[in-house]
Amino acid sequence: MSSKSTKTVTVAQDDGMPSRKFVTLLQFDTVKPLELPEQGTWHRDRKRAILKKYPQVEKLFGNEPLTCLLLIFLLPIHTYVALALENQPWWVVLLASYTIGTLLSFQLLIIAHEATHELVFKNQTANRFVNMFGHLPNWWGPFGNFWWSEHRWHHSVVVDKALRYGPQNVNFLRKAFFTLIFIHIINFTIFVTSLIQVPIYVISTLLHFLGLRKNPNCFLYIPPYDRFPICASGWMVINFIITNIYHASLFYFGGWNPIIYQTFSSGFCNGLHPIGMRQVQEHYLLAKKQPTTSVYPPFSWLYLHIGHHVEHHDFAKIPWNRLPELRRIAPDFYDNLKYYNSYMEVLIYFFTNDGIPVSIFLEN
């Protein structure tokens, strides 16, 4: 792992979401809530400093409609592979999930991520649909709609993702366990809660339409929608319908194997797999005063350059295929930060080091 000291300039990403000063997370090793102050300011200050020194960076801002072509190409492939596994034994399904399925799920997730930042099209509605279809094979419920708001808020807080798998200093088996189940817990939670939240929203809307309720807003928000009530909307219903039609079709034409294949592909691409270590690489803490870390792996284009994560948080309006150019223009702002050289390096580091506790990081 490359590590050099740097003078960091410190601001929060202006991404269209109201800022929240604190987020409360439940630590895995205690029952005490941990308050995390806003860390997006580090990126906003860097953004201002970079633009001041390299104003040409602003030319990288914009949309990349070709990203939608990747969606049109990759989603049918992922679906075809899923259906082709209809009569295969369980070990073939799991092997396919860990290999081709993980990569395809990862790429589709990044495409959805681009749409969440409205970097595919200029039209928000078009981006909404790219977001939903990109997430389609990875989630049973309307996760794309939820992430549309949650991820933008994350750009203000940043270190809310530093405890994805619990504290860094837990033992090997505990880390392995949480990396295996983490995404599946979220997947199941979003699915179950959407079965409750969607009917509540529909009933609430109908009552308002019939004049039986003055307030058009939902009369009950259940977790995780209570954190982001704005997610309980017509887009949630649309996302819910599209997702269920897709998975019902998979089951109708291929039985359980396609569902299992895509579910485990999603789990591996967000967990116990080298590229699943993106969840660790992005915001597990390597250096004080550096809440985000990049990885520059070989064949970075294969992962849609999502490893350029400091770059992305500095400039959330630069699409994925222009992020390497940002680093080339402003090397003095990136090459001196701590970073990884591969996702395998992230995996090894995660399982062999304690990292920096969030509480110590926040002391400074």
Protein backbone atom coordinates (compact mmCIF):
# COMPACT_ATOMS: atom_id res chain seq x y z
CA MET A 1 0.00 0.00 0.00
CA SER A 2 1.35 3.36 -1.01
CA SER A 3 1.52 5.92 1.71
CA LYS A 4 2.88 9.41 1.65
CA SER A 5 2.09 12.35 3.82
CA THR A 6 0.24 15.24 2.29
CA LYS A 7 -1.05 18.62 3.25
CA THR A 8 -4.77 18.17 2.96
CA VAL A 9 -7.05 21.03 2.31
CA THR A 10 -10.37 20.66 3.88
CA VAL A 11 -15.49 21.11 2.24
CA ALA A 12 -18.97 19.11 1.75
CA GLN A 13 -20.07 17.83 -1.54
CA ASP A 14 -22.85 19.98 -2.94
CA ASP A 15 -25.02 17.16 -4.20
CA GLY A 16 -28.54 18.41 -3.89
CA MET A 17 -29.33 16.88 -0.51
CA PRO A 18 -29.98 18.77 2.72
CA SER A 19 -27.05 18.30 5.06
CA ARG A 20 -27.44 16.46 8.35
CA LYS A 21 -24.95 17.37 11.04
CA PHE A 22 -24.87 14.02 12.80
CA VAL A 23 -25.71 10.43 12.04
CA THR A 24 -26.17 7.82 14.73
CA LEU A 25 -24.82 4.35 14.02
CA LEU A 26 -24.89 1.29 16.23
CA GLN A 27 -21.42 -0.15 16.69
CA PHE A 28 -21.09 -3.91 16.42
CA ASP A 29 -18.84 -4.14 19.47
CA THR A 30 -20.91 -2.01 21.87
CA VAL A 31 -24.46 -0.88 22.34
CA LYS A 32 -23.45 2.75 22.56
CA PRO A 33 -24.50 4.94 19.63
CA LEU A 34 -21.65 6.68 17.86
CA GLU A 35 -22.20 10.19 16.60
CA LEU A 36 -20.38 10.94 13.39
CA PRO A 37 -19.98 14.61 12.44
CA GLU A 38 -20.01 15.70 8.85
CA GLN A 39 -16.77 14.82 7.06
CA GLY A 40 -17.75 15.86 3.53
CA THR A 41 -16.15 19.20 4.30
CA TRP A 42 -12.73 17.61 3.65
CA HIS A 43 -13.78 16.93 0.08
CA ARG A 44 -15.47 20.29 -0.47
CA ASP A 45 -12.34 22.17 0.59
CA ARG A 46 -10.23 20.00 -1.68
CA LYS A 47 -12.64 20.70 -4.53
CA ARG A 48 -12.27 24.45 -4.09
CA ALA A 49 -8.48 24.23 -3.86
CA ILE A 50 -8.22 22.02 -6.95
CA LEU A 51 -10.48 24.26 -9.01
CA LYS A 52 -8.48 27.30 -7.94
CA LYS A 53 -5.21 25.74 -9.08
CA TYR A 54 -6.57 23.74 -12.03
CA PRO A 55 -9.67 25.52 -13.39
CA GLN A 56 -9.61 23.23 -16.45
CA VAL A 57 -10.99 20.45 -14.22
CA GLU A 58 -14.41 22.03 -14.61
CA LYS A 59 -14.39 20.91 -18.26
CA LEU A 60 -14.66 17.31 -17.00
CA PHE A 61 -18.09 17.98 -15.47
CA GLY A 62 -21.12 16.65 -17.32
CA ASN A 63 -22.98 13.54 -18.41
CA GLU A 64 -21.94 10.33 -20.12
CA PRO A 65 -24.94 8.83 -21.98
CA LEU A 66 -22.76 5.94 -23.20
CA THR A 67 -23.05 4.54 -19.67
CA CYS A 68 -26.62 3.59 -20.54
CA LEU A 69 -25.31 1.45 -23.40
CA LEU A 70 -23.30 -0.52 -20.84
CA LEU A 71 -26.52 -1.11 -18.91
CA ILE A 72 -28.29 -2.29 -22.07
CA PHE A 73 -25.36 -4.65 -22.75
CA LEU A 74 -24.66 -5.99 -19.25
CA LEU A 75 -28.14 -6.48 -17.77
CA PRO A 76 -29.28 -8.98 -20.48
CA ILE A 77 -25.99 -10.88 -20.09
CA HIS A 78 -26.46 -11.15 -16.33
CA THR A 79 -30.06 -12.25 -16.84
CA TYR A 80 -29.10 -14.79 -19.51
CA VAL A 81 -26.42 -16.35 -17.30
CA ALA A 82 -28.94 -16.55 -14.45
CA LEU A 83 -31.50 -18.38 -16.60
CA ALA A 84 -28.82 -20.67 -18.08
CA LEU A 85 -28.17 -22.00 -14.58
CA GLU A 86 -31.73 -23.33 -14.25
CA ASN A 87 -30.78 -27.03 -14.09
CA GLN A 88 -27.24 -26.74 -12.73
CA PRO A 89 -26.13 -28.15 -9.36
CA TRP A 90 -25.75 -25.79 -6.42
CA TRP A 91 -21.95 -25.69 -6.61
CA VAL A 92 -22.05 -24.53 -10.24
CA VAL A 93 -24.50 -21.76 -9.28
CA LEU A 94 -22.23 -20.59 -6.46
CA LEU A 95 -19.11 -20.78 -8.64
CA ALA A 96 -20.84 -18.73 -11.34
CA SER A 97 -21.90 -16.24 -8.68
CA TYR A 98 -18.36 -15.83 -7.35
CA THR A 99 -16.82 -15.38 -10.79
CA ILE A 100 -18.78 -13.84 -13.65
CA GLY A 101 -21.79 -12.96 -11.51
CA THR A 102 -19.79 -10.89 -9.06
CA LEU A 103 -18.19 -8.83 -11.82
CA LEU A 104 -21.49 -8.25 -13.64
CA SER A 105 -23.27 -7.28 -10.42
CA PHE A 106 -20.43 -4.94 -9.55
CA GLN A 107 -20.51 -3.22 -12.94
CA LEU A 108 -24.28 -2.80 -12.84
CA LEU A 109 -24.01 -1.38 -9.33
CA ILE A 110 -21.54 1.24 -10.53
CA ILE A 111 -23.82 2.14 -13.44
CA ALA A 112 -26.65 2.67 -10.92
CA HIS A 113 -24.25 4.75 -8.84
CA GLU A 114 -23.54 6.98 -11.84
CA ALA A 115 -27.26 7.48 -12.41
CA THR A 116 -27.78 8.32 -8.74
CA HIS A 117 -25.46 11.30 -9.26
CA GLU A 118 -27.33 12.10 -12.50
CA LEU A 119 -24.17 11.57 -14.54
CA VAL A 120 -25.76 9.48 -17.30
CA PHE A 121 -28.41 11.80 -18.73
CA LYS A 122 -29.34 15.41 -18.15
CA ASN A 123 -32.92 14.34 -17.52
CA GLN A 124 -33.58 13.27 -13.93
CA THR A 125 -36.36 10.85 -14.86
CA ALA A 126 -34.07 9.02 -17.28
CA ASN A 127 -31.42 8.77 -14.59
CA ARG A 128 -34.00 7.42 -12.17
CA PHE A 129 -34.77 4.52 -14.50
CA VAL A 130 -31.09 3.78 -15.16
CA ASN A 131 -30.61 3.72 -11.39
CA MET A 132 -33.47 1.28 -10.89
CA PHE A 133 -32.49 -1.07 -13.73
CA GLY A 134 -28.84 -1.02 -12.67
CA HIS A 135 -29.85 -2.19 -9.20
CA LEU A 136 -32.41 -4.68 -10.53
CA PRO A 137 -30.39 -7.95 -10.28
CA ASN A 138 -28.78 -6.98 -6.97
CA TRP A 139 -31.80 -6.35 -4.76
CA TRP A 140 -35.16 -7.95 -4.05
CA GLY A 141 -36.78 -4.66 -3.02
CA PRO A 142 -36.84 -1.03 -4.27
CA PHE A 143 -33.28 -0.33 -3.15
CA GLY A 144 -32.49 1.97 -6.08
CA ASN A 145 -35.11 4.47 -4.95
CA PHE A 146 -33.86 4.37 -1.36
CA TRP A 147 -30.22 4.72 -2.38
CA TRP A 148 -31.05 7.74 -4.54
CA SER A 149 -31.44 9.77 -1.33
CA GLU A 150 -29.27 7.81 1.10
CA HIS A 151 -26.17 7.91 -1.08
CA ARG A 152 -26.36 11.65 -1.65
CA TRP A 153 -26.62 12.17 2.10
CA HIS A 154 -23.58 9.91 2.48
CA HIS A 155 -21.54 12.44 0.51
CA SER A 156 -22.06 14.90 3.33
CA VAL A 157 -21.26 12.52 6.18
CA VAL A 158 -18.72 10.21 4.44
CA VAL A 159 -17.58 8.26 7.52
CA ASP A 160 -21.02 6.68 8.00
CA LYS A 161 -19.57 3.89 5.81
CA ALA A 162 -16.57 3.35 8.09
CA LEU A 163 -18.48 0.75 10.09
CA ARG A 164 -20.05 -1.26 7.29
CA TYR A 165 -18.60 -4.52 8.62
CA GLY A 166 -18.20 -3.35 12.18
CA PRO A 167 -14.99 -2.02 13.76
CA GLN A 168 -11.74 -2.82 11.97
CA ASN A 169 -10.13 -4.29 15.11
CA VAL A 170 -12.38 -7.37 15.48
CA ASN A 171 -10.96 -10.84 14.81
CA PHE A 172 -10.64 -12.61 11.46
CA LEU A 173 -13.68 -14.87 11.83
CA ARG A 174 -15.92 -11.99 12.83
CA LYS A 175 -14.80 -9.97 9.81
CA ALA A 176 -15.38 -12.94 7.50
CA PHE A 177 -18.83 -13.50 8.98
CA PHE A 178 -19.96 -9.90 8.59
CA THR A 179 -18.61 -9.60 5.04
CA LEU A 180 -20.63 -12.69 4.13
CA ILE A 181 -23.96 -11.62 5.65
CA PHE A 182 -23.86 -7.80 5.56
CA ILE A 183 -25.47 -7.18 2.18
CA HIS A 184 -27.89 -10.10 2.56
CA ILE A 185 -29.24 -8.52 5.76
CA ILE A 186 -29.76 -5.21 3.96
CA ASN A 187 -31.31 -6.98 0.97
CA PHE A 188 -33.77 -8.90 3.15
CA THR A 189 -34.58 -5.81 5.24
CA ILE A 190 -35.35 -3.62 2.22
CA PHE A 191 -37.50 -6.40 0.74
CA VAL A 192 -39.55 -7.02 3.90
CA THR A 193 -39.99 -3.37 4.85
CA SER A 194 -41.03 -2.47 1.29
CA LEU A 195 -43.81 -5.07 1.51
CA ILE A 196 -45.17 -2.96 4.37
CA GLN A 197 -44.14 0.57 3.35
CA VAL A 198 -45.42 0.42 -0.25
CA PRO A 199 -49.04 -0.50 0.71
CA ILE A 200 -48.95 2.15 3.47
CA TYR A 201 -47.87 4.77 0.95
CA VAL A 202 -50.49 3.69 -1.62
CA ILE A 203 -53.29 3.75 0.99
CA SER A 204 -52.15 7.12 2.30
CA THR A 205 -52.10 8.58 -1.22
CA LEU A 206 -55.54 7.17 -2.05
CA LEU A 207 -57.03 8.59 1.15
CA HIS A 208 -55.61 12.00 0.29
CA PHE A 209 -56.94 11.74 -3.28
CA LEU A 210 -60.40 10.88 -1.93
CA GLY A 211 -60.28 13.86 0.41
CA LEU A 212 -60.13 11.74 3.56
CA ARG A 213 -56.67 12.97 4.53
CA LYS A 214 -55.45 16.56 4.31
CA ASN A 215 -51.78 15.63 4.48
CA PRO A 216 -50.60 13.89 1.28
CA ASN A 217 -47.55 12.50 3.07
CA CYS A 218 -47.38 8.94 4.34
CA PHE A 219 -48.91 8.48 7.80
CA LEU A 220 -46.32 5.92 8.88
CA TYR A 221 -42.65 5.47 8.04
CA ILE A 222 -40.92 2.25 9.05
CA PRO A 223 -37.15 1.67 9.04
CA PRO A 224 -35.19 2.43 6.97
CA TYR A 225 -37.70 4.84 5.43
CA ASP A 226 -38.00 6.75 8.70
CA ARG A 227 -34.43 8.01 8.08
CA PHE A 228 -35.31 9.27 4.61
CA PRO A 229 -39.08 9.85 4.38
CA ILE A 230 -38.57 11.43 0.97
CA CYS A 231 -37.99 7.87 -0.33
CA ALA A 232 -41.63 6.98 0.33
CA SER A 233 -42.88 8.29 -3.00
CA GLY A 234 -44.29 7.27 -6.33
CA TRP A 235 -40.77 6.28 -7.36
CA MET A 236 -40.72 3.73 -4.55
CA VAL A 237 -43.88 2.15 -5.95
CA ILE A 238 -42.50 2.12 -9.51
CA ASN A 239 -39.21 0.61 -8.31
CA PHE A 240 -41.13 -1.98 -6.25
CA ILE A 241 -43.25 -3.02 -9.25
CA ILE A 242 -40.31 -3.26 -11.69
CA THR A 243 -38.18 -5.24 -9.23
CA ASN A 244 -40.92 -7.73 -8.44
CA ILE A 245 -41.83 -8.24 -12.08
CA TYR A 246 -38.17 -8.93 -12.89
CA HIS A 247 -37.66 -11.44 -10.10
CA ALA A 248 -41.04 -13.11 -10.66
CA SER A 249 -40.07 -13.55 -14.31
CA LEU A 250 -36.73 -15.06 -13.34
CA PHE A 251 -38.50 -17.52 -11.07
CA TYR A 252 -41.17 -18.35 -13.66
CA PHE A 253 -38.68 -19.12 -16.42
CA GLY A 254 -35.80 -20.54 -14.38
CA GLY A 255 -36.92 -21.50 -10.89
CA TRP A 256 -34.82 -20.73 -7.82
CA ASN A 257 -31.35 -21.05 -9.35
CA PRO A 258 -31.40 -17.69 -11.18
CA ILE A 259 -32.55 -15.96 -7.98
CA ILE A 260 -29.85 -17.68 -5.94
CA TYR A 261 -27.20 -16.84 -8.55
CA GLN A 262 -27.99 -13.13 -8.59
CA THR A 263 -28.49 -12.90 -4.82
CA PHE A 264 -25.08 -14.41 -4.10
CA SER A 265 -23.49 -12.37 -6.89
CA SER A 266 -24.74 -9.24 -5.14
CA GLY A 267 -23.48 -10.53 -1.80
CA PHE A 268 -20.00 -11.31 -3.12
CA CYS A 269 -19.62 -8.03 -5.02
CA ASN A 270 -20.33 -6.25 -1.75
CA GLY A 271 -18.49 -8.58 0.60
CA LEU A 272 -16.10 -11.52 0.83
CA HIS A 273 -14.50 -11.16 -2.58
CA PRO A 274 -11.56 -8.99 -3.74
CA ILE A 275 -13.77 -6.54 -5.61
CA GLY A 276 -16.31 -6.77 -2.79
CA MET A 277 -13.64 -5.11 -0.67
CA ARG A 278 -14.72 -1.85 -2.29
CA GLN A 279 -16.93 -1.58 0.77
CA VAL A 280 -13.75 -1.47 2.90
CA GLN A 281 -11.50 0.44 0.53
CA GLU A 282 -13.73 3.48 0.20
CA HIS A 283 -14.08 4.65 3.81
CA TYR A 284 -12.36 2.33 6.28
CA LEU A 285 -9.77 4.61 7.78
CA LEU A 286 -6.09 4.34 6.84
CA ALA A 287 -4.91 7.81 7.81
CA LYS A 288 -6.07 10.52 10.19
CA LYS A 289 -7.78 13.42 8.44
CA GLN A 290 -8.37 11.28 5.32
CA PRO A 291 -11.93 9.88 5.44
CA THR A 292 -11.84 8.42 1.91
CA THR A 293 -9.32 6.15 0.17
CA SER A 294 -8.81 5.30 -3.50
CA VAL A 295 -7.63 2.10 -5.13
CA TYR A 296 -5.88 2.09 -8.51
CA PRO A 297 -6.03 -1.54 -9.63
CA PRO A 298 -4.83 -3.02 -12.92
CA PHE A 299 -7.60 -2.86 -15.52
CA SER A 300 -9.33 -0.10 -13.60
CA TRP A 301 -11.67 0.42 -16.57
CA LEU A 302 -13.12 -3.05 -15.92
CA TYR A 303 -14.46 -1.72 -12.62
CA LEU A 304 -15.60 1.55 -14.24
CA HIS A 305 -12.91 3.44 -12.30
CA ILE A 306 -14.98 3.37 -9.09
CA GLY A 307 -11.66 2.90 -7.29
CA HIS A 308 -10.95 6.60 -7.93
CA HIS A 309 -13.04 7.27 -4.87
CA VAL A 310 -11.34 10.31 -3.40
CA GLU A 311 -11.62 11.82 -6.87
CA HIS A 312 -15.31 10.95 -6.99
CA HIS A 313 -16.07 12.50 -3.60
CA ASP A 314 -14.08 15.60 -4.52
CA PHE A 315 -16.05 15.99 -7.74
CA ALA A 316 -19.31 14.05 -7.72
CA LYS A 317 -20.29 15.68 -11.03
CA ILE A 318 -17.49 14.07 -13.03
CA PRO A 319 -18.57 10.79 -14.70
CA TRP A 320 -16.64 7.56 -14.17
CA ASN A 321 -14.63 7.56 -17.43
CA ARG A 322 -13.16 11.03 -16.75
CA LEU A 323 -11.96 10.40 -13.19
CA PRO A 324 -8.48 9.16 -14.27
CA GLU A 325 -8.07 12.42 -16.18
CA LEU A 326 -8.81 14.35 -12.99
CA ARG A 327 -5.97 12.56 -11.23
CA ARG A 328 -3.68 13.20 -14.19
CA ILE A 329 -4.46 16.92 -14.13
CA ALA A 330 -4.03 17.31 -10.36
CA PRO A 331 -1.48 14.66 -9.25
CA ASP A 332 -0.27 16.77 -6.33
CA PHE A 333 -3.73 16.41 -4.74
CA TYR A 334 -3.96 12.61 -5.14
CA ASP A 335 -0.61 10.88 -5.43
CA ASN A 336 0.44 11.91 -1.92
CA LEU A 337 -2.62 10.46 -0.22
CA LYS A 338 -2.76 6.93 1.11
CA TYR A 339 -4.16 4.55 -1.48
CA TYR A 340 -4.28 0.87 -2.48
CA ASN A 341 -2.82 -0.68 -5.62
CA SER A 342 -5.35 -3.52 -5.97
CA TYR A 343 -8.53 -4.91 -4.46
CA MET A 344 -6.60 -7.97 -3.31
CA GLU A 345 -4.37 -5.63 -1.32
CA VAL A 346 -7.50 -4.19 0.31
CA LEU A 347 -8.68 -7.68 1.26
CA ILE A 348 -5.32 -8.65 2.78
CA TYR A 349 -5.05 -5.37 4.67
CA PHE A 350 -8.60 -5.64 6.02
CA PHE A 351 -8.04 -9.11 7.45
CA THR A 352 -4.56 -8.45 8.86
CA ASN A 353 -4.75 -4.91 10.29
CA ASP A 354 -6.75 -3.11 12.94
CA GLY A 355 -6.98 0.20 11.09
CA ILE A 356 -7.87 3.45 12.83
CA PRO A 357 -10.90 3.44 15.16
CA VAL A 358 -13.52 5.99 14.11
CA SER A 359 -13.52 7.51 17.59
CA ILE A 360 -9.78 8.27 17.39
CA PHE A 361 -10.19 9.59 13.84
CA LEU A 362 -12.85 12.02 15.02
CA GLU A 363 -10.76 13.26 17.93
CA ASN A 364 -8.68 15.17 15.41
